[in-house]
């Protein structure tokens, strides 16, 4: 296949698409002046979630000493998620993946753990996110592909 190096020739021709443009218009630049010199930008909503799900239902999952759960409302709105490792262990990050009803990965988030009285490690977040399935795994801090516990999944 031949590479096209120049999309516009001197005459304003686009050979790759077979389009013709008059050469006089090819170099024309149009500038618009703003209606007013003042713009208003609101930054107050920066930490407000786009969705505010309720917590009417709860689902749990367990795999050995690794437990997890989600709080959700309706069928596709996840308010909260949490996991608990039944022992205290450092060096772990929680990876949470949110999937659509069609099975597509919608987003991934990461949470640090909290030591609870040197007895267990707790991970939690309030994603307020549309999702059908939520899967949590504990991964090594230095390598997020190195899964140490899980994954466990809950479905709305």
C-alpha atoms as a PDB file:
ATOM      1  CA  UNK A   1       0.000   0.000   0.000  1.00  0.00           C
ATOM      2  CA  UNK A   2       1.339   3.436  -0.944  1.00  0.00           C
ATOM      3  CA  UNK A   3       1.710   6.061   1.799  1.00  0.00           C
ATOM      4  CA  UNK A   4       0.337   9.519   1.141  1.00  0.00           C
ATOM      5  CA  UNK A   5       2.819  11.997   2.594  1.00  0.00           C
ATOM      6  CA  UNK A   6       1.064  15.265   1.756  1.00  0.00           C
ATOM      7  CA  UNK A   7      -2.681  15.507   2.139  1.00  0.00           C
ATOM      8  CA  UNK A   8      -2.924  18.921   0.461  1.00  0.00           C
ATOM      9  CA  UNK A   9      -1.016  19.731  -2.676  1.00  0.00           C
ATOM     10  CA  UNK A  10      -0.232  23.197  -3.913  1.00  0.00           C
ATOM     11  CA  UNK A  11      -3.493  23.284  -5.845  1.00  0.00           C
ATOM     12  CA  UNK A  12      -5.531  22.228  -2.806  1.00  0.00           C
ATOM     13  CA  UNK A  13      -6.153  18.643  -3.932  1.00  0.00           C
ATOM     14  CA  UNK A  14      -6.637  15.814  -1.458  1.00  0.00           C
ATOM     15  CA  UNK A  15      -5.478  12.866  -3.548  1.00  0.00           C
ATOM     16  CA  UNK A  16      -6.197  10.194  -0.915  1.00  0.00           C
ATOM     17  CA  UNK A  17      -9.880  11.090  -0.758  1.00  0.00           C
ATOM     18  CA  UNK A  18     -10.384  12.242  -4.319  1.00  0.00           C
ATOM     19  CA  UNK A  19     -11.607  15.643  -3.138  1.00  0.00           C
ATOM     20  CA  UNK A  20     -10.931  18.943  -4.762  1.00  0.00           C
ATOM     21  CA  UNK A  21     -10.678  22.272  -2.977  1.00  0.00           C
ATOM     22  CA  UNK A  22     -10.050  25.595  -4.607  1.00  0.00           C
ATOM     23  CA  UNK A  23      -6.447  26.665  -3.934  1.00  0.00           C
ATOM     24  CA  UNK A  24      -7.611  30.094  -2.762  1.00  0.00           C
ATOM     25  CA  UNK A  25      -9.581  28.570   0.123  1.00  0.00           C
ATOM     26  CA  UNK A  26      -6.920  26.075   1.152  1.00  0.00           C
ATOM     27  CA  UNK A  27      -4.851  28.667   3.001  1.00  0.00           C
ATOM     28  CA  UNK A  28      -7.686  30.888   4.264  1.00  0.00           C
ATOM     29  CA  UNK A  29      -7.778  31.297   8.021  1.00  0.00           C
ATOM     30  CA  UNK A  30     -10.914  32.524   9.722  1.00  0.00           C
ATOM     31  CA  UNK A  31     -10.697  34.119  13.138  1.00  0.00           C
ATOM     32  CA  UNK A  32     -13.619  34.867  15.389  1.00  0.00           C
ATOM     33  CA  UNK A  33     -13.588  37.381  18.191  1.00  0.00           C
ATOM     34  CA  UNK A  34     -15.179  36.292  21.457  1.00  0.00           C
ATOM     35  CA  UNK A  35     -18.537  37.794  22.407  1.00  0.00           C
ATOM     36  CA  UNK A  36     -17.121  39.067  25.661  1.00  0.00           C
ATOM     37  CA  UNK A  37     -13.715  38.954  27.245  1.00  0.00           C
ATOM     38  CA  UNK A  38     -15.006  37.239  30.414  1.00  0.00           C
ATOM     39  CA  UNK A  39     -15.544  33.496  30.797  1.00  0.00           C
ATOM     40  CA  UNK A  40     -17.105  31.874  33.847  1.00  0.00           C
ATOM     41  CA  UNK A  41     -15.834  28.470  34.896  1.00  0.00           C
ATOM     42  CA  UNK A  42     -17.333  26.649  37.866  1.00  0.00           C
ATOM     43  CA  UNK A  43     -14.931  24.460  39.821  1.00  0.00           C
ATOM     44  CA  UNK A  44     -17.293  23.808  42.701  1.00  0.00           C
ATOM     45  CA  UNK A  45     -18.498  20.480  41.319  1.00  0.00           C
ATOM     46  CA  UNK A  46     -15.031  18.913  41.009  1.00  0.00           C
ATOM     47  CA  UNK A  47     -15.491  16.394  43.876  1.00  0.00           C
ATOM     48  CA  UNK A  48     -19.188  15.687  43.385  1.00  0.00           C
ATOM     49  CA  UNK A  49     -19.854  12.285  41.791  1.00  0.00           C
ATOM     50  CA  UNK A  50     -21.658  12.274  38.468  1.00  0.00           C
ATOM     51  CA  UNK A  51     -24.104   9.693  39.836  1.00  0.00           C
ATOM     52  CA  UNK A  52     -25.507   9.462  43.351  1.00  0.00           C
ATOM     53  CA  UNK A  53     -26.591   5.848  43.826  1.00  0.00           C
ATOM     54  CA  UNK A  54     -28.502   4.647  46.827  1.00  0.00           C
ATOM     55  CA  UNK A  55     -27.579   1.696  49.028  1.00  0.00           C
ATOM     56  CA  UNK A  56     -30.809  -0.327  49.106  1.00  0.00           C
ATOM     57  CA  UNK A  57     -29.290  -3.739  48.308  1.00  0.00           C
ATOM     58  CA  UNK A  58     -26.095  -5.583  49.260  1.00  0.00           C
ATOM     59  CA  UNK A  59     -24.226  -8.468  47.629  1.00  0.00           C
ATOM     60  CA  UNK A  60     -21.263 -10.360  49.094  1.00  0.00           C
ATOM     61  CA  UNK A  61     -18.535 -12.641  47.745  1.00  0.00           C
ATOM     62  CA  UNK A  62     -15.878 -14.695  49.538  1.00  0.00           C
ATOM     63  CA  UNK A  63     -12.697 -16.485  48.553  1.00  0.00           C
ATOM     64  CA  UNK A  64     -10.865 -17.982  51.536  1.00  0.00           C
ATOM     65  CA  UNK A  65      -9.697 -15.128  53.786  1.00  0.00           C
ATOM     66  CA  UNK A  66     -10.700 -12.517  51.180  1.00  0.00           C
ATOM     67  CA  UNK A  67     -14.253 -11.082  51.435  1.00  0.00           C
ATOM     68  CA  UNK A  68     -15.950  -8.371  49.421  1.00  0.00           C
ATOM     69  CA  UNK A  69     -19.245  -6.664  48.878  1.00  0.00           C
ATOM     70  CA  UNK A  70     -21.135  -3.931  47.085  1.00  0.00           C
ATOM     71  CA  UNK A  71     -23.978  -1.643  48.091  1.00  0.00           C
ATOM     72  CA  UNK A  72     -26.252  -0.716  45.199  1.00  0.00           C
ATOM     73  CA  UNK A  73     -29.677   0.523  44.186  1.00  0.00           C
ATOM     74  CA  UNK A  74     -31.691  -0.540  41.207  1.00  0.00           C
ATOM     75  CA  UNK A  75     -29.866  -2.859  38.865  1.00  0.00           C
ATOM     76  CA  UNK A  76     -26.984  -0.806  37.505  1.00  0.00           C
ATOM     77  CA  UNK A  77     -25.984   1.760  40.118  1.00  0.00           C
ATOM     78  CA  UNK A  78     -23.168   0.829  42.537  1.00  0.00           C
ATOM     79  CA  UNK A  79     -22.906   3.160  45.534  1.00  0.00           C
ATOM     80  CA  UNK A  80     -20.158   1.479  47.572  1.00  0.00           C
ATOM     81  CA  UNK A  81     -17.704  -1.381  47.459  1.00  0.00           C
ATOM     82  CA  UNK A  82     -15.425  -2.902  50.066  1.00  0.00           C
ATOM     83  CA  UNK A  83     -13.079  -5.821  50.606  1.00  0.00           C
ATOM     84  CA  UNK A  84     -11.492  -7.251  53.701  1.00  0.00           C
ATOM     85  CA  UNK A  85      -8.464  -9.452  54.069  1.00  0.00           C
ATOM     86  CA  UNK A  86      -8.836 -11.432  57.328  1.00  0.00           C
ATOM     87  CA  UNK A  87      -5.248 -10.700  58.309  1.00  0.00           C
ATOM     88  CA  UNK A  88      -3.100  -7.603  58.409  1.00  0.00           C
ATOM     89  CA  UNK A  89      -0.789  -7.454  55.405  1.00  0.00           C
ATOM     90  CA  UNK A  90       1.133  -4.530  53.955  1.00  0.00           C
ATOM     91  CA  UNK A  91       2.209  -4.041  50.337  1.00  0.00           C
ATOM     92  CA  UNK A  92      -1.255  -4.486  48.796  1.00  0.00           C
ATOM     93  CA  UNK A  93      -3.504  -2.280  46.680  1.00  0.00           C
ATOM     94  CA  UNK A  94      -7.111  -3.048  45.863  1.00  0.00           C
ATOM     95  CA  UNK A  95      -7.957  -3.106  42.148  1.00  0.00           C
ATOM     96  CA  UNK A  96     -11.662  -2.667  41.401  1.00  0.00           C
ATOM     97  CA  UNK A  97     -13.046  -3.264  37.915  1.00  0.00           C
ATOM     98  CA  UNK A  98     -16.528  -2.185  36.866  1.00  0.00           C
ATOM     99  CA  UNK A  99     -18.262  -4.046  34.030  1.00  0.00           C
ATOM    100  CA  UNK A 100     -21.363  -3.198  31.982  1.00  0.00           C
ATOM    101  CA  UNK A 101     -24.289  -5.606  31.528  1.00  0.00           C
ATOM    102  CA  UNK A 102     -22.709  -6.578  28.186  1.00  0.00           C
ATOM    103  CA  UNK A 103     -19.472  -7.571  29.949  1.00  0.00           C
ATOM    104  CA  UNK A 104     -17.385  -4.587  28.845  1.00  0.00           C
ATOM    105  CA  UNK A 105     -14.833  -3.139  31.236  1.00  0.00           C
ATOM    106  CA  UNK A 106     -16.111   0.363  32.019  1.00  0.00           C
ATOM    107  CA  UNK A 107     -13.465   1.574  34.484  1.00  0.00           C
ATOM    108  CA  UNK A 108     -10.795   0.502  36.962  1.00  0.00           C
ATOM    109  CA  UNK A 109     -10.023   2.146  40.308  1.00  0.00           C
ATOM    110  CA  UNK A 110      -7.307   1.602  42.924  1.00  0.00           C
ATOM    111  CA  UNK A 111      -7.512   1.912  46.715  1.00  0.00           C
ATOM    112  CA  UNK A 112      -4.962   1.704  49.499  1.00  0.00           C
ATOM    113  CA  UNK A 113      -5.736  -0.552  52.458  1.00  0.00           C
ATOM    114  CA  UNK A 114      -6.329   0.407  56.066  1.00  0.00           C
ATOM    115  CA  UNK A 115      -4.883  -1.555  58.982  1.00  0.00           C
ATOM    116  CA  UNK A 116      -7.614  -2.367  61.507  1.00  0.00           C
ATOM    117  CA  UNK A 117      -5.993  -3.111  64.885  1.00  0.00           C
ATOM    118  CA  UNK A 118      -3.306  -5.305  63.271  1.00  0.00           C
ATOM    119  CA  UNK A 119      -6.050  -7.929  62.773  1.00  0.00           C
ATOM    120  CA  UNK A 120      -7.300  -7.358  59.243  1.00  0.00           C
ATOM    121  CA  UNK A 121      -6.873  -5.054  56.242  1.00  0.00           C
ATOM    122  CA  UNK A 122      -9.855  -3.091  54.908  1.00  0.00           C
ATOM    123  CA  UNK A 123     -10.266  -1.522  51.457  1.00  0.00           C
ATOM    124  CA  UNK A 124     -13.308   0.566  50.498  1.00  0.00           C
ATOM    125  CA  UNK A 125     -14.619   3.278  48.203  1.00  0.00           C
ATOM    126  CA  UNK A 126     -17.795   5.090  47.150  1.00  0.00           C
ATOM    127  CA  UNK A 127     -17.646   4.851  43.345  1.00  0.00           C
ATOM    128  CA  UNK A 128     -21.268   5.948  42.657  1.00  0.00           C
ATOM    129  CA  UNK A 129     -20.913   4.353  39.261  1.00  0.00           C
ATOM    130  CA  UNK A 130     -23.113   2.614  36.721  1.00  0.00           C
ATOM    131  CA  UNK A 131     -22.068  -1.034  36.611  1.00  0.00           C
ATOM    132  CA  UNK A 132     -23.638  -4.485  36.387  1.00  0.00           C
ATOM    133  CA  UNK A 133     -20.679  -6.407  37.798  1.00  0.00           C
ATOM    134  CA  UNK A 134     -17.892  -5.354  40.175  1.00  0.00           C
ATOM    135  CA  UNK A 135     -14.702  -7.416  40.599  1.00  0.00           C
ATOM    136  CA  UNK A 136     -12.115  -6.762  43.309  1.00  0.00           C
ATOM    137  CA  UNK A 137      -8.599  -8.140  43.603  1.00  0.00           C
ATOM    138  CA  UNK A 138      -5.669  -7.382  45.880  1.00  0.00           C
ATOM    139  CA  UNK A 139      -2.501  -6.767  43.900  1.00  0.00           C
ATOM    140  CA  UNK A 140       1.097  -6.017  44.817  1.00  0.00           C
ATOM    141  CA  UNK A 141       1.847  -2.301  45.273  1.00  0.00           C
ATOM    142  CA  UNK A 142       4.834  -2.451  42.939  1.00  0.00           C
ATOM    143  CA  UNK A 143       3.174  -4.551  40.200  1.00  0.00           C
ATOM    144  CA  UNK A 144      -0.565  -4.156  39.649  1.00  0.00           C
ATOM    145  CA  UNK A 145      -0.560  -7.248  37.406  1.00  0.00           C
ATOM    146  CA  UNK A 146       0.604  -9.431  40.310  1.00  0.00           C
ATOM    147  CA  UNK A 147      -2.701 -10.600  41.856  1.00  0.00           C
ATOM    148  CA  UNK A 148      -2.244 -11.831  45.448  1.00  0.00           C
ATOM    149  CA  UNK A 149      -5.920 -12.393  46.387  1.00  0.00           C
ATOM    150  CA  UNK A 150      -9.036 -12.698  44.239  1.00  0.00           C
ATOM    151  CA  UNK A 151     -10.589 -11.644  42.074  1.00  0.00           C
ATOM    152  CA  UNK A 152     -14.022 -11.861  43.644  1.00  0.00           C
ATOM    153  CA  UNK A 153     -17.086 -10.471  41.881  1.00  0.00           C
ATOM    154  CA  UNK A 154     -20.570  -9.253  42.785  1.00  0.00           C
ATOM    155  CA  UNK A 155     -23.413  -8.636  40.348  1.00  0.00           C
ATOM    156  CA  UNK A 156     -26.184  -6.070  40.764  1.00  0.00           C
END
